[in-house]
Amino acid sequence: MSIESSGRNPAHPTGSGDHGDEIGFSAKWPFAKYYSVLLKGAFYNASNHATDTTRIWIQRTANF
């Protein structure tokens, strides 16, 4: 199993303003000989700029 996380404070392309905070994670679980499951998530707190957003997804992979 492997786990990763990240966080950042995205800035406006012009370099001005606070556009909230973002944190993400991913975890991968291998099973059997050729398969794995990947779980990812991202959470964005927009402060007063836009809409807060949460994304979570699951991916299954097979490598032959």
PDB file of N, CA and C in Angstrom:
ATOM      1  N   MET A   1       0.854  -1.171   0.000  1.00  0.00           N
ATOM      2  CA  MET A   1       0.000   0.000   0.000  1.00  0.00           C
ATOM      3  C   MET A   1       0.898   1.232   0.000  1.00  0.00           C
ATOM      4  N   SER A   2       0.499   2.240  -0.750  1.00  0.00           N
ATOM      5  CA  SER A   2       1.202   3.523  -0.723  1.00  0.00           C
ATOM      6  C   SER A   2       0.193   4.645  -0.520  1.00  0.00           C
ATOM      7  N   ILE A   3       0.600   5.670   0.219  1.00  0.00           N
ATOM      8  CA  ILE A   3      -0.272   6.806   0.522  1.00  0.00           C
ATOM      9  C   ILE A   3       0.505   8.093   0.258  1.00  0.00           C
ATOM     10  N   GLU A   4      -0.145   9.053  -0.391  1.00  0.00           N
ATOM     11  CA  GLU A   4       0.452  10.356  -0.643  1.00  0.00           C
ATOM     12  C   GLU A   4      -0.553  11.435  -0.264  1.00  0.00           C
ATOM     13  N   SER A   5      -0.048  12.602   0.114  1.00  0.00           N
ATOM     14  CA  SER A   5      -0.928  13.741   0.374  1.00  0.00           C
ATOM     15  C   SER A   5      -0.224  15.018  -0.074  1.00  0.00           C
ATOM     16  N   SER A   6      -1.019  16.040  -0.342  1.00  0.00           N
ATOM     17  CA  SER A   6      -0.462  17.322  -0.745  1.00  0.00           C
ATOM     18  C   SER A   6      -1.407  18.431  -0.313  1.00  0.00           C
ATOM     19  N   GLY A   7      -0.873  19.616  -0.220  1.00  0.00           N
ATOM     20  CA  GLY A   7      -1.687  20.779   0.118  1.00  0.00           C
ATOM     21  C   GLY A   7      -1.084  22.007  -0.528  1.00  0.00           C
ATOM     22  N   ARG A   8      -1.923  22.975  -0.853  1.00  0.00           N
ATOM     23  CA  ARG A   8      -1.417  24.207  -1.440  1.00  0.00           C
ATOM     24  C   ARG A   8      -2.430  25.326  -1.267  1.00  0.00           C
ATOM     25  N   ASN A   9      -1.957  26.520  -1.510  1.00  0.00           N
ATOM     26  CA  ASN A   9      -2.794  27.705  -1.474  1.00  0.00           C
ATOM     27  C   ASN A   9      -2.704  28.316  -2.866  1.00  0.00           C
ATOM     28  N   PRO A  10      -3.653  27.995  -3.765  1.00  0.00           N
ATOM     29  CA  PRO A  10      -3.540  28.453  -5.147  1.00  0.00           C
ATOM     30  C   PRO A  10      -3.652  29.967  -5.262  1.00  0.00           C
ATOM     31  N   ALA A  11      -2.765  30.540  -6.039  1.00  0.00           N
ATOM     32  CA  ALA A  11      -2.791  31.989  -6.263  1.00  0.00           C
ATOM     33  C   ALA A  11      -3.401  32.290  -7.620  1.00  0.00           C
ATOM     34  N   HIS A  12      -3.904  33.475  -7.749  1.00  0.00           N
ATOM     35  CA  HIS A  12      -4.442  33.941  -9.028  1.00  0.00           C
ATOM     36  C   HIS A  12      -3.301  33.998 -10.040  1.00  0.00           C
ATOM     37  N   PRO A  13      -3.563  33.734 -11.334  1.00  0.00           N
ATOM     38  CA  PRO A  13      -2.496  33.753 -12.343  1.00  0.00           C
ATOM     39  C   PRO A  13      -1.694  35.057 -12.366  1.00  0.00           C
ATOM     40  N   THR A  14      -2.292  36.156 -11.965  1.00  0.00           N
ATOM     41  CA  THR A  14      -1.562  37.427 -11.938  1.00  0.00           C
ATOM     42  C   THR A  14      -0.762  37.576 -10.656  1.00  0.00           C
ATOM     43  N   GLY A  15      -0.899  36.630  -9.730  1.00  0.00           N
ATOM     44  CA  GLY A  15      -0.160  36.673  -8.484  1.00  0.00           C
ATOM     45  C   GLY A  15      -0.835  37.461  -7.384  1.00  0.00           C
ATOM     46  N   SER A  16      -2.058  37.889  -7.594  1.00  0.00           N
ATOM     47  CA  SER A  16      -2.744  38.679  -6.569  1.00  0.00           C
ATOM     48  C   SER A  16      -3.924  37.914  -5.995  1.00  0.00           C
ATOM     49  N   GLY A  17      -4.202  38.163  -4.724  1.00  0.00           N
ATOM     50  CA  GLY A  17      -5.402  37.607  -4.116  1.00  0.00           C
ATOM     51  C   GLY A  17      -5.216  36.234  -3.514  1.00  0.00           C
ATOM     52  N   ASP A  18      -6.076  35.920  -2.563  1.00  0.00           N
ATOM     53  CA  ASP A  18      -6.116  34.608  -1.914  1.00  0.00           C
ATOM     54  C   ASP A  18      -7.289  33.852  -2.488  1.00  0.00           C
ATOM     55  N   HIS A  19      -7.027  32.699  -3.042  1.00  0.00           N
ATOM     56  CA  HIS A  19      -8.085  31.922  -3.674  1.00  0.00           C
ATOM     57  C   HIS A  19      -8.411  30.637  -2.919  1.00  0.00           C
ATOM     58  N   GLY A  20      -8.117  30.611  -1.643  1.00  0.00           N
ATOM     59  CA  GLY A  20      -8.520  29.481  -0.814  1.00  0.00           C
ATOM     60  C   GLY A  20      -7.386  28.508  -0.577  1.00  0.00           C
ATOM     61  N   ASP A  21      -7.748  27.347  -0.058  1.00  0.00           N
ATOM     62  CA  ASP A  21      -6.792  26.288   0.262  1.00  0.00           C
ATOM     63  C   ASP A  21      -7.247  24.991  -0.375  1.00  0.00           C
ATOM     64  N   GLU A  22      -6.273  24.155  -0.707  1.00  0.00           N
ATOM     65  CA  GLU A  22      -6.580  22.869  -1.327  1.00  0.00           C
ATOM     66  C   GLU A  22      -5.719  21.798  -0.679  1.00  0.00           C
ATOM     67  N   ILE A  23      -6.326  20.634  -0.441  1.00  0.00           N
ATOM     68  CA  ILE A  23      -5.594  19.483   0.065  1.00  0.00           C
ATOM     69  C   ILE A  23      -6.049  18.262  -0.720  1.00  0.00           C
ATOM     70  N   GLY A  24      -5.116  17.379  -1.003  1.00  0.00           N
ATOM     71  CA  GLY A  24      -5.449  16.179  -1.755  1.00  0.00           C
ATOM     72  C   GLY A  24      -4.771  14.965  -1.154  1.00  0.00           C
ATOM     73  N   PHE A  25      -5.264  13.793  -1.505  1.00  0.00           N
ATOM     74  CA  PHE A  25      -4.656  12.544  -1.041  1.00  0.00           C
ATOM     75  C   PHE A  25      -4.848  11.478  -2.097  1.00  0.00           C
ATOM     76  N   SER A  26      -4.010  10.479  -2.033  1.00  0.00           N
ATOM     77  CA  SER A  26      -4.196   9.289  -2.859  1.00  0.00           C
ATOM     78  C   SER A  26      -3.639   8.090  -2.104  1.00  0.00           C
ATOM     79  N   ALA A  27      -4.275   6.963  -2.262  1.00  0.00           N
ATOM     80  CA  ALA A  27      -3.842   5.717  -1.637  1.00  0.00           C
ATOM     81  C   ALA A  27      -4.025   4.591  -2.652  1.00  0.00           C
ATOM     82  N   LYS A  28      -3.014   3.746  -2.775  1.00  0.00           N
ATOM     83  CA  LYS A  28      -3.055   2.654  -3.752  1.00  0.00           C
ATOM     84  C   LYS A  28      -2.823   1.331  -3.029  1.00  0.00           C
ATOM     85  N   TRP A  29      -3.716   0.368  -3.299  1.00  0.00           N
ATOM     86  CA  TRP A  29      -3.623  -0.953  -2.717  1.00  0.00           C
ATOM     87  C   TRP A  29      -3.459  -1.995  -3.812  1.00  0.00           C
ATOM     88  N   PRO A  30      -2.288  -2.617  -3.943  1.00  0.00           N
ATOM     89  CA  PRO A  30      -2.141  -3.715  -4.899  1.00  0.00           C
ATOM     90  C   PRO A  30      -2.758  -4.991  -4.318  1.00  0.00           C
ATOM     91  N   PHE A  31      -3.332  -5.799  -5.183  1.00  0.00           N
ATOM     92  CA  PHE A  31      -3.837  -7.104  -4.753  1.00  0.00           C
ATOM     93  C   PHE A  31      -3.690  -8.082  -5.907  1.00  0.00           C
ATOM     94  N   ALA A  32      -3.664  -9.348  -5.569  1.00  0.00           N
ATOM     95  CA  ALA A  32      -3.392 -10.401  -6.541  1.00  0.00           C
ATOM     96  C   ALA A  32      -2.069 -10.059  -7.247  1.00  0.00           C
ATOM     97  N   LYS A  33      -1.859 -10.589  -8.428  1.00  0.00           N
ATOM     98  CA  LYS A  33      -0.584 -10.375  -9.111  1.00  0.00           C
ATOM     99  C   LYS A  33      -0.609  -9.147 -10.022  1.00  0.00           C
ATOM    100  N   TYR A  34      -1.748  -8.856 -10.627  1.00  0.00           N
ATOM    101  CA  TYR A  34      -1.811  -7.832 -11.672  1.00  0.00           C
ATOM    102  C   TYR A  34      -2.745  -6.660 -11.369  1.00  0.00           C
ATOM    103  N   TYR A  35      -3.374  -6.628 -10.213  1.00  0.00           N
ATOM    104  CA  TYR A  35      -4.439  -5.655  -9.985  1.00  0.00           C
ATOM    105  C   TYR A  35      -4.103  -4.689  -8.846  1.00  0.00           C
ATOM    106  N   SER A  36      -4.725  -3.524  -8.887  1.00  0.00           N
ATOM    107  CA  SER A  36      -4.623  -2.572  -7.784  1.00  0.00           C
ATOM    108  C   SER A  36      -5.863  -1.679  -7.784  1.00  0.00           C
ATOM    109  N   VAL A  37      -6.101  -1.057  -6.641  1.00  0.00           N
ATOM    110  CA  VAL A  37      -7.188  -0.097  -6.484  1.00  0.00           C
ATOM    111  C   VAL A  37      -6.562   1.210  -6.019  1.00  0.00           C
ATOM    112  N   LEU A  38      -6.978   2.301  -6.640  1.00  0.00           N
ATOM    113  CA  LEU A  38      -6.478   3.626  -6.310  1.00  0.00           C
ATOM    114  C   LEU A  38      -7.643   4.478  -5.816  1.00  0.00           C
ATOM    115  N   LEU A  39      -7.485   5.082  -4.650  1.00  0.00           N
ATOM    116  CA  LEU A  39      -8.482   5.990  -4.083  1.00  0.00           C
ATOM    117  C   LEU A  39      -7.859   7.375  -4.033  1.00  0.00           C
ATOM    118  N   LYS A  40      -8.540   8.356  -4.610  1.00  0.00           N
ATOM    119  CA  LYS A  40      -8.035   9.726  -4.629  1.00  0.00           C
ATOM    120  C   LYS A  40      -9.103  10.688  -4.132  1.00  0.00           C
ATOM    121  N   GLY A  41      -8.667  11.786  -3.550  1.00  0.00           N
ATOM    122  CA  GLY A  41      -9.594  12.810  -3.113  1.00  0.00           C
ATOM    123  C   GLY A  41      -8.934  14.174  -3.141  1.00  0.00           C
ATOM    124  N   ALA A  42      -9.746  15.188  -3.346  1.00  0.00           N
ATOM    125  CA  ALA A  42      -9.269  16.570  -3.323  1.00  0.00           C
ATOM    126  C   ALA A  42     -10.348  17.431  -2.677  1.00  0.00           C
ATOM    127  N   PHE A  43      -9.922  18.323  -1.805  1.00  0.00           N
ATOM    128  CA  PHE A  43     -10.834  19.197  -1.077  1.00  0.00           C
ATOM    129  C   PHE A  43     -10.368  20.632  -1.249  1.00  0.00           C
ATOM    130  N   TYR A  44     -11.231  21.488  -1.762  1.00  0.00           N
ATOM    131  CA  TYR A  44     -10.897  22.883  -2.019  1.00  0.00           C
ATOM    132  C   TYR A  44     -11.813  23.777  -1.204  1.00  0.00           C
ATOM    133  N   ASN A  45     -11.214  24.622  -0.367  1.00  0.00           N
ATOM    134  CA  ASN A  45     -11.937  25.607   0.422  1.00  0.00           C
ATOM    135  C   ASN A  45     -11.707  26.951  -0.245  1.00  0.00           C
ATOM    136  N   ALA A  46     -12.729  27.500  -0.878  1.00  0.00           N
ATOM    137  CA  ALA A  46     -12.598  28.679  -1.730  1.00  0.00           C
ATOM    138  C   ALA A  46     -12.506  29.995  -0.980  1.00  0.00           C
ATOM    139  N   SER A  47     -12.495  29.975   0.326  1.00  0.00           N
ATOM    140  CA  SER A  47     -12.559  31.220   1.106  1.00  0.00           C
ATOM    141  C   SER A  47     -13.782  32.001   0.652  1.00  0.00           C
ATOM    142  N   ASN A  48     -13.606  33.204   0.184  1.00  0.00           N
ATOM    143  CA  ASN A  48     -14.732  34.003  -0.299  1.00  0.00           C
ATOM    144  C   ASN A  48     -14.721  34.156  -1.811  1.00  0.00           C
ATOM    145  N   HIS A  49     -13.868  33.397  -2.472  1.00  0.00           N
ATOM    146  CA  HIS A  49     -13.654  33.573  -3.913  1.00  0.00           C
ATOM    147  C   HIS A  49     -14.680  32.839  -4.781  1.00  0.00           C
ATOM    148  N   ALA A  50     -14.964  31.597  -4.473  1.00  0.00           N
ATOM    149  CA  ALA A  50     -15.816  30.767  -5.335  1.00  0.00           C
ATOM    150  C   ALA A  50     -16.525  29.728  -4.465  1.00  0.00           C
ATOM    151  N   THR A  51     -16.872  28.604  -5.058  1.00  0.00           N
ATOM    152  CA  THR A  51     -17.592  27.535  -4.368  1.00  0.00           C
ATOM    153  C   THR A  51     -16.624  26.476  -3.850  1.00  0.00           C
ATOM    154  N   ASP A  52     -16.803  26.043  -2.615  1.00  0.00           N
ATOM    155  CA  ASP A  52     -16.018  24.933  -2.086  1.00  0.00           C
ATOM    156  C   ASP A  52     -16.311  23.691  -2.914  1.00  0.00           C
ATOM    157  N   THR A  53     -15.284  22.876  -3.118  1.00  0.00           N
ATOM    158  CA  THR A  53     -15.434  21.696  -3.968  1.00  0.00           C
ATOM    159  C   THR A  53     -14.775  20.500  -3.311  1.00  0.00           C
ATOM    160  N   THR A  54     -15.440  19.340  -3.380  1.00  0.00           N
ATOM    161  CA  THR A  54     -14.888  18.075  -2.907  1.00  0.00           C
ATOM    162  C   THR A  54     -15.015  17.051  -4.026  1.00  0.00           C
ATOM    163  N   ARG A  55     -13.912  16.358  -4.304  1.00  0.00           N
ATOM    164  CA  ARG A  55     -13.919  15.309  -5.320  1.00  0.00           C
ATOM    165  C   ARG A  55     -13.279  14.062  -4.713  1.00  0.00           C
ATOM    166  N   ILE A  56     -13.943  12.931  -4.867  1.00  0.00           N
ATOM    167  CA  ILE A  56     -13.403  11.649  -4.429  1.00  0.00           C
ATOM    168  C   ILE A  56     -13.685  10.637  -5.535  1.00  0.00           C
ATOM    169  N   TRP A  57     -12.664   9.848  -5.888  1.00  0.00           N
ATOM    170  CA  TRP A  57     -12.892   8.842  -6.920  1.00  0.00           C
ATOM    171  C   TRP A  57     -12.061   7.593  -6.643  1.00  0.00           C
ATOM    172  N   ILE A  58     -12.527   6.491  -7.227  1.00  0.00           N
ATOM    173  CA  ILE A  58     -11.885   5.184  -7.096  1.00  0.00           C
ATOM    174  C   ILE A  58     -11.554   4.683  -8.492  1.00  0.00           C
ATOM    175  N   GLN A  59     -10.358   4.119  -8.622  1.00  0.00           N
ATOM    176  CA  GLN A  59      -9.915   3.589  -9.912  1.00  0.00           C
ATOM    177  C   GLN A  59      -9.376   2.190  -9.706  1.00  0.00           C
ATOM    178  N   ARG A  60      -9.744   1.299 -10.575  1.00  0.00           N
ATOM    179  CA  ARG A  60      -9.247  -0.078 -10.549  1.00  0.00           C
ATOM    180  C   ARG A  60      -8.326  -0.252 -11.743  1.00  0.00           C
ATOM    181  N   THR A  61      -7.158  -0.844 -11.549  1.00  0.00           N
ATOM    182  CA  THR A  61      -6.226  -1.041 -12.654  1.00  0.00           C
ATOM    183  C   THR A  61      -5.829  -2.504 -12.771  1.00  0.00           C
ATOM    184  N   ALA A  62      -5.471  -2.871 -13.988  1.00  0.00           N
ATOM    185  CA  ALA A  62      -4.954  -4.205 -14.273  1.00  0.00           C
ATOM    186  C   ALA A  62      -3.730  -4.032 -15.165  1.00  0.00           C
ATOM    187  N   ASN A  63      -2.618  -4.635 -14.783  1.00  0.00           N
ATOM    188  CA  ASN A  63      -1.382  -4.578 -15.557  1.00  0.00           C
ATOM    189  C   ASN A  63      -0.965  -5.983 -15.959  1.00  0.00           C
ATOM    190  N   PHE A  64      -0.900  -6.218 -17.248  1.00  0.00           N
ATOM    191  CA  PHE A  64      -0.514  -7.536 -17.760  1.00  0.00           C
ATOM    192  C   PHE A  64       0.757  -7.444 -18.565  1.00  0.00           C
TER     193      PHE A  64
END
